[in-house]
Amino acid sequence: MTELSKLMAGGRVKPTCREMGSAFVLKVSQGLLGALCSVWLAGAVLAQGWVDRDRDGVPDSKDACPHSRPNVAVDAMGCEIRSEEMACIAPKGAASQLIACEGAEPGKSVEPAKQTSTAKQGASEPDVLSVYFAFGSAEVGIDQWPPLAKVHGFLKASDAKLTLVGHTDNIGSEAVNMNLSRQRAERVKQIFVQDYGVKAQRLSIVAKGASQPVTSNDGPDGRALNRRVEFIVEAR
């Protein structure tokens, strides 16, 4: 009897084939499962907007300019910010506040830009960059994203740390206003961290309530200017 006949007679060939077939099916199943998982994960990532192909800090799902140049400052829509749209450090004597500047290198001390926004008429000079809020609210309106983009440009062009200082008008109790001013500063920090990818360690929070108005609280226009978050460059 040949060796093959002995194996067949002993029933050893069929089990071996079954084992080989089972192993093959298992490998194919695992491969298909892995492929399906990869597709599912890729779809989940895309669905959540976690992809940032040009690495500008703005996810592709929100990026209006998906092919930004490397290492340039971009606004909330992912589009490059021109140098005149960035923030600069105020001249000495202005408590290292960030101001709007024109045609200057971010991080330098320069003369403030001329005021162009009617919303800031009556505000004190220099033209300090601030984010303004509706009465009793800590939500940042879409019309307040331009100053955020300028501050983000400053952060990308320097290694500075900022203190976000929250303020309110004088309506309400001291305790309520202190809490609201903190919520406003925390909301601005959240936008920088979550939407712009700024490291949380670079941003600290201070709440001032209604203690430091920039103008009179006697009328609605003045109160609107006092409901704000300002940006202070921390001393190194």
Protein backbone atom coordinates (compact mmCIF):
# COMPACT_ATOMS: atom_id res chain seq x y z
CA MET A 1 0.00 0.00 0.00
CA THR A 2 1.35 3.36 -0.94
CA GLU A 3 1.96 6.10 1.61
CA LEU A 4 -0.98 8.08 0.23
CA SER A 5 -3.26 5.06 0.48
CA LYS A 6 -2.22 4.57 4.08
CA LEU A 7 -3.01 8.18 4.88
CA MET A 8 -6.40 7.98 3.20
CA ALA A 9 -7.17 4.69 4.88
CA GLY A 10 -6.26 6.18 8.22
CA GLY A 11 -8.60 9.08 7.68
CA ARG A 12 -5.84 11.64 7.98
CA VAL A 13 -6.24 13.41 4.65
CA LYS A 14 -9.81 14.63 5.11
CA PRO A 15 -9.22 16.21 8.55
CA THR A 16 -6.15 17.96 7.20
CA CYS A 17 -8.17 19.41 4.31
CA ARG A 18 -10.91 20.50 6.68
CA GLU A 19 -8.39 22.18 8.93
CA MET A 20 -6.80 23.94 5.98
CA GLY A 21 -10.19 25.01 4.69
CA SER A 22 -11.25 26.34 8.08
CA ALA A 23 -8.03 28.29 8.45
CA PHE A 24 -8.46 29.79 4.99
CA VAL A 25 -12.06 30.81 5.69
CA LEU A 26 -11.00 32.30 9.02
CA LYS A 27 -8.26 34.37 7.39
CA VAL A 28 -10.61 35.59 4.68
CA SER A 29 -13.23 36.48 7.28
CA GLN A 30 -10.68 38.35 9.36
CA GLY A 31 -9.48 40.20 6.27
CA LEU A 32 -13.00 41.20 5.31
CA LEU A 33 -13.76 42.26 8.88
CA GLY A 34 -10.59 44.34 9.02
CA ALA A 35 -11.42 46.01 5.73
CA LEU A 36 -14.96 46.76 6.87
CA CYS A 37 -13.66 48.21 10.15
CA SER A 38 -11.19 50.39 8.26
CA VAL A 39 -13.94 51.70 6.00
CA TRP A 40 -16.20 52.31 8.98
CA LEU A 41 -13.48 54.15 10.91
CA ALA A 42 -12.60 56.26 7.89
CA GLY A 43 -16.25 57.15 7.46
CA ALA A 44 -16.58 57.99 11.13
CA VAL A 45 -13.52 60.25 11.00
CA LEU A 46 -14.86 62.06 7.94
CA ALA A 47 -18.31 62.32 9.48
CA GLN A 48 -16.90 63.89 12.62
CA GLY A 49 -14.82 66.39 10.67
CA TRP A 50 -11.55 65.28 12.22
CA VAL A 51 -9.58 65.42 8.96
CA ASP A 52 -7.24 68.39 8.47
CA ARG A 53 -5.25 67.68 5.31
CA ASP A 54 -3.48 71.04 5.10
CA ARG A 55 -2.76 71.01 8.86
CA ASP A 56 -3.84 74.59 9.46
CA GLY A 57 -5.84 73.81 12.60
CA VAL A 58 -9.22 74.01 10.83
CA PRO A 59 -10.89 70.66 10.04
CA ASP A 60 -11.73 70.02 6.40
CA SER A 61 -15.45 70.08 7.19
CA LYS A 62 -15.10 73.78 8.12
CA ASP A 63 -12.20 74.72 5.84
CA ALA A 64 -13.13 77.15 3.05
CA CYS A 65 -9.48 77.18 1.88
CA PRO A 66 -8.38 73.51 2.11
CA HIS A 67 -4.97 74.05 0.52
CA SER A 68 -3.39 76.66 2.80
CA ARG A 69 0.35 77.17 2.68
CA PRO A 70 2.31 75.52 5.52
CA ASN A 71 2.76 77.47 8.76
CA VAL A 72 0.60 80.47 7.86
CA ALA A 73 -2.03 82.06 10.08
CA VAL A 74 -5.60 81.33 9.03
CA ASP A 75 -8.99 82.59 10.11
CA ALA A 76 -11.91 80.52 11.43
CA MET A 77 -12.75 79.47 7.86
CA GLY A 78 -9.23 78.19 7.21
CA CYS A 79 -8.21 81.03 4.88
CA GLU A 80 -4.89 82.83 5.13
CA ILE A 81 -4.83 86.06 7.14
CA ARG A 82 -3.04 89.01 5.61
CA SER A 83 -0.41 90.69 7.78
CA GLU A 84 -2.56 93.80 8.23
CA GLU A 85 -5.30 91.65 9.74
CA MET A 86 -3.16 90.33 12.59
CA ALA A 87 -2.83 91.49 16.16
CA CYS A 88 0.16 93.25 17.71
CA ILE A 89 1.23 94.12 21.22
CA ALA A 90 0.14 97.60 22.27
CA PRO A 91 2.77 100.29 22.96
CA LYS A 92 4.22 100.47 26.44
CA GLY A 93 1.79 101.68 29.04
CA ALA A 94 -1.14 99.70 27.64
CA ALA A 95 -0.68 96.66 29.90
CA SER A 96 0.61 94.48 27.04
CA GLN A 97 -2.83 94.27 25.46
CA LEU A 98 -3.35 92.99 21.95
CA ILE A 99 -4.45 95.64 19.46
CA ALA A 100 -5.38 95.74 15.79
CA CYS A 101 -2.33 96.65 13.71
CA GLU A 102 -1.59 97.35 10.08
CA GLY A 103 1.41 96.24 8.03
CA ALA A 104 3.49 95.15 11.02
CA GLU A 105 5.04 91.94 12.18
CA PRO A 106 2.95 90.18 14.85
CA GLY A 107 4.56 90.30 18.27
CA LYS A 108 6.00 93.77 17.78
CA SER A 109 5.02 96.90 19.69
CA VAL A 110 3.41 99.29 17.20
CA GLU A 111 1.07 102.21 16.97
CA PRO A 112 -2.58 101.10 16.97
CA ALA A 113 -4.61 100.96 13.80
CA LYS A 114 -7.26 103.57 13.14
CA GLN A 115 -10.69 102.64 14.34
CA THR A 116 -12.95 101.52 11.52
CA SER A 117 -15.74 99.70 13.31
CA THR A 118 -18.78 101.78 14.24
CA ALA A 119 -19.44 99.25 17.00
CA LYS A 120 -16.39 100.57 18.85
CA GLN A 121 -17.09 104.28 18.58
CA GLY A 122 -16.46 105.86 21.96
CA ALA A 123 -14.12 103.09 23.10
CA SER A 124 -10.82 104.12 24.63
CA GLU A 125 -7.58 104.17 22.62
CA PRO A 126 -5.61 102.22 21.62
CA ASP A 127 -7.89 100.04 19.51
CA VAL A 128 -7.76 97.07 21.88
CA LEU A 129 -8.89 93.77 20.40
CA SER A 130 -11.91 92.45 22.23
CA VAL A 131 -14.72 89.98 21.73
CA TYR A 132 -18.14 91.43 22.58
CA PHE A 133 -21.24 89.69 23.95
CA ALA A 134 -24.99 90.08 24.05
CA PHE A 135 -26.60 90.96 27.36
CA GLY A 136 -26.49 88.09 29.83
CA SER A 137 -24.82 85.76 27.31
CA ALA A 138 -21.49 83.96 27.11
CA GLU A 139 -21.97 82.81 23.52
CA VAL A 140 -19.65 84.19 20.83
CA GLY A 141 -21.57 85.45 17.81
CA ILE A 142 -20.35 84.81 14.27
CA ASP A 143 -19.68 88.55 13.89
CA GLN A 144 -17.03 88.25 16.62
CA TRP A 145 -14.86 85.71 14.80
CA PRO A 146 -12.71 88.31 12.94
CA PRO A 147 -10.98 89.50 16.14
CA LEU A 148 -10.54 85.87 17.16
CA ALA A 149 -8.81 85.20 13.84
CA LYS A 150 -6.46 88.13 14.43
CA VAL A 151 -5.52 86.83 17.87
CA HIS A 152 -5.02 83.36 16.43
CA GLY A 153 -2.66 84.87 13.85
CA PHE A 154 -0.66 86.39 16.70
CA LEU A 155 -0.51 83.06 18.53
CA LYS A 156 0.70 81.25 15.42
CA ALA A 157 3.40 83.86 14.79
CA SER A 158 4.75 83.83 18.36
CA ASP A 159 5.17 81.56 21.35
CA ALA A 160 3.45 84.02 23.69
CA LYS A 161 0.90 83.06 26.31
CA LEU A 162 -2.31 85.04 26.74
CA THR A 163 -4.59 85.88 29.62
CA LEU A 164 -8.24 86.07 28.58
CA VAL A 165 -9.93 88.69 30.72
CA GLY A 166 -13.71 88.54 30.96
CA HIS A 167 -15.88 91.60 31.71
CA THR A 168 -19.56 92.49 32.07
CA ASP A 169 -21.68 95.63 32.27
CA ASN A 170 -23.06 96.77 35.64
CA ILE A 171 -26.48 95.15 35.34
CA GLY A 172 -26.93 92.38 37.91
CA SER A 173 -25.30 91.41 41.19
CA GLU A 174 -21.57 91.25 41.72
CA ALA A 175 -21.65 87.45 42.10
CA VAL A 176 -23.66 86.97 38.90
CA ASN A 177 -21.38 89.27 36.93
CA MET A 178 -18.20 87.60 38.18
CA ASN A 179 -19.55 84.22 37.14
CA LEU A 180 -20.70 85.52 33.75
CA SER A 181 -17.36 87.21 33.02
CA ARG A 182 -15.59 83.92 33.77
CA GLN A 183 -17.95 82.01 31.49
CA ARG A 184 -17.20 84.45 28.67
CA ALA A 185 -13.45 84.03 29.02
CA GLU A 186 -13.82 80.25 29.23
CA ARG A 187 -15.95 80.21 26.06
CA VAL A 188 -13.32 82.17 24.12
CA LYS A 189 -10.64 79.79 25.38
CA GLN A 190 -12.76 76.83 24.28
CA ILE A 191 -12.96 78.22 20.75
CA PHE A 192 -9.19 78.68 20.54
CA VAL A 193 -8.54 75.16 21.83
CA GLN A 194 -11.26 73.24 19.98
CA ASP A 195 -11.59 75.18 16.72
CA TYR A 196 -8.07 76.54 16.29
CA GLY A 197 -6.04 73.82 18.01
CA VAL A 198 -4.25 76.19 20.40
CA LYS A 199 -2.73 74.41 23.40
CA ALA A 200 -4.79 75.07 26.51
CA GLN A 201 -1.61 75.75 28.51
CA ARG A 202 -1.05 78.94 26.51
CA LEU A 203 -4.35 80.46 27.66
CA SER A 204 -5.30 81.46 31.19
CA ILE A 205 -8.57 82.91 32.51
CA VAL A 206 -9.29 85.97 34.63
CA ALA A 207 -12.76 87.21 35.60
CA LYS A 208 -13.28 90.90 36.39
CA GLY A 209 -17.06 91.17 36.47
CA ALA A 210 -18.18 94.80 36.14
CA SER A 211 -15.14 96.22 37.96
CA GLN A 212 -13.23 97.51 34.89
CA PRO A 213 -15.57 99.21 32.39
CA VAL A 214 -14.00 100.86 29.34
CA THR A 215 -16.80 103.41 29.15
CA SER A 216 -19.91 104.55 31.01
CA ASN A 217 -22.65 102.05 31.79
CA ASP A 218 -25.31 104.79 31.65
CA GLY A 219 -26.62 103.81 28.21
CA PRO A 220 -27.04 100.62 26.13
CA ASP A 221 -24.17 101.51 23.78
CA GLY A 222 -21.71 101.90 26.62
CA ARG A 223 -22.88 98.71 28.31
CA ALA A 224 -22.43 96.81 25.03
CA LEU A 225 -18.77 97.88 24.92
CA ASN A 226 -18.23 96.73 28.51
CA ARG A 227 -19.50 93.20 27.83
CA ARG A 228 -16.22 91.85 26.47
CA VAL A 229 -13.18 89.58 26.67
CA GLU A 230 -9.77 91.22 26.24
CA PHE A 231 -6.37 89.63 25.56
CA ILE A 232 -3.31 90.34 27.69
CA VAL A 233 0.16 89.10 26.71
CA GLU A 234 1.72 87.41 29.73
CA ALA A 235 5.17 88.58 30.78
CA ARG A 236 7.90 86.00 30.21
